[in-house]
Amino acid sequence: MSGEQKAEAKVEQGKGKLKEAAGRLTGNEELTAEGRAEQAKGDAREAKEKVKDVFKH
């Protein structure tokens, strides 16, 4: 996995976790859902990079 892509995925996951936590603390369901979606996007990006790595070897 390229380091840059992996870093982007981790940043996206982290931002999502923060948004989800902030949404829960404030009772904002929309922010919580947005955070979960951002985490899922980061997870998908990370999975895509892992699949690319498998086929490189």
C-alpha atoms as a PDB file:
ATOM      1  CA  MET A   1       0.000   0.000   0.000  1.00  0.00           C
ATOM      2  CA  SER A   2       1.434   3.353  -0.879  1.00  0.00           C
ATOM      3  CA  GLY A   3       2.227   5.377   2.208  1.00  0.00           C
ATOM      4  CA  GLU A   4       0.343   8.416   0.986  1.00  0.00           C
ATOM      5  CA  GLN A   5      -2.861   6.505   0.258  1.00  0.00           C
ATOM      6  CA  LYS A   6      -2.664   4.707   3.593  1.00  0.00           C
ATOM      7  CA  ALA A   7      -2.194   8.010   5.405  1.00  0.00           C
ATOM      8  CA  GLU A   8      -5.198   9.519   3.613  1.00  0.00           C
ATOM      9  CA  ALA A   9      -7.341   6.552   4.626  1.00  0.00           C
ATOM     10  CA  LYS A  10      -6.242   6.829   8.262  1.00  0.00           C
ATOM     11  CA  VAL A  11      -6.894  10.593   8.329  1.00  0.00           C
ATOM     12  CA  GLU A  12     -10.353  10.030   6.893  1.00  0.00           C
ATOM     13  CA  GLN A  13     -11.083   7.361   9.498  1.00  0.00           C
ATOM     14  CA  GLY A  14      -9.850   9.629  12.287  1.00  0.00           C
ATOM     15  CA  LYS A  15     -11.919  12.585  11.134  1.00  0.00           C
ATOM     16  CA  GLY A  16     -14.943  10.324  10.974  1.00  0.00           C
ATOM     17  CA  LYS A  17     -14.391   9.102  14.524  1.00  0.00           C
ATOM     18  CA  LEU A  18     -14.108  12.675  15.779  1.00  0.00           C
ATOM     19  CA  LYS A  19     -17.284  13.735  13.991  1.00  0.00           C
ATOM     20  CA  GLU A  20     -19.158  10.714  15.295  1.00  0.00           C
ATOM     21  CA  ALA A  21     -18.014  11.399  18.865  1.00  0.00           C
ATOM     22  CA  ALA A  22     -18.897  15.091  18.592  1.00  0.00           C
ATOM     23  CA  GLY A  23     -22.315  14.178  17.223  1.00  0.00           C
ATOM     24  CA  ARG A  24     -22.963  11.816  20.092  1.00  0.00           C
ATOM     25  CA  LEU A  25     -21.864  14.372  22.694  1.00  0.00           C
ATOM     26  CA  THR A  26     -24.067  17.099  21.262  1.00  0.00           C
ATOM     27  CA  GLY A  27     -26.977  14.829  20.374  1.00  0.00           C
ATOM     28  CA  ASN A  28     -26.597  15.721  16.706  1.00  0.00           C
ATOM     29  CA  GLU A  29     -27.637  12.591  14.797  1.00  0.00           C
ATOM     30  CA  GLU A  30     -26.709  14.113  11.444  1.00  0.00           C
ATOM     31  CA  LEU A  31     -23.122  14.721  12.560  1.00  0.00           C
ATOM     32  CA  THR A  32     -22.942  11.204  14.008  1.00  0.00           C
ATOM     33  CA  ALA A  33     -24.116   9.727  10.707  1.00  0.00           C
ATOM     34  CA  GLU A  34     -21.686  11.899   8.752  1.00  0.00           C
ATOM     35  CA  GLY A  35     -18.852  10.646  10.945  1.00  0.00           C
ATOM     36  CA  ARG A  36     -19.823   7.033  10.399  1.00  0.00           C
ATOM     37  CA  ALA A  37     -19.973   7.599   6.646  1.00  0.00           C
ATOM     38  CA  GLU A  38     -16.530   9.186   6.647  1.00  0.00           C
ATOM     39  CA  GLN A  39     -15.112   6.248   8.595  1.00  0.00           C
ATOM     40  CA  ALA A  40     -16.645   3.835   6.099  1.00  0.00           C
ATOM     41  CA  LYS A  41     -15.126   5.793   3.228  1.00  0.00           C
ATOM     42  CA  GLY A  42     -11.708   5.554   4.869  1.00  0.00           C
ATOM     43  CA  ASP A  43     -12.183   1.842   5.480  1.00  0.00           C
ATOM     44  CA  ALA A  44     -13.106   1.310   1.830  1.00  0.00           C
ATOM     45  CA  ARG A  45     -10.069   3.267   0.640  1.00  0.00           C
ATOM     46  CA  GLU A  46      -7.813   1.207   2.895  1.00  0.00           C
ATOM     47  CA  ALA A  47      -9.361  -2.061   1.641  1.00  0.00           C
ATOM     48  CA  LYS A  48      -8.886  -0.960  -1.971  1.00  0.00           C
ATOM     49  CA  GLU A  49      -5.202  -0.302  -1.364  1.00  0.00           C
ATOM     50  CA  LYS A  50      -4.770  -3.674   0.327  1.00  0.00           C
ATOM     51  CA  VAL A  51      -6.306  -5.411  -2.695  1.00  0.00           C
ATOM     52  CA  LYS A  52      -3.915  -3.536  -4.984  1.00  0.00           C
ATOM     53  CA  ASP A  53      -1.010  -4.719  -2.836  1.00  0.00           C
ATOM     54  CA  VAL A  54      -2.128  -8.338  -3.082  1.00  0.00           C
ATOM     55  CA  PHE A  55      -2.033  -8.217  -6.864  1.00  0.00           C
ATOM     56  CA  LYS A  56       1.351  -6.484  -6.975  1.00  0.00           C
ATOM     57  CA  HIS A  57       3.087  -9.473  -5.407  1.00  0.00           C
END
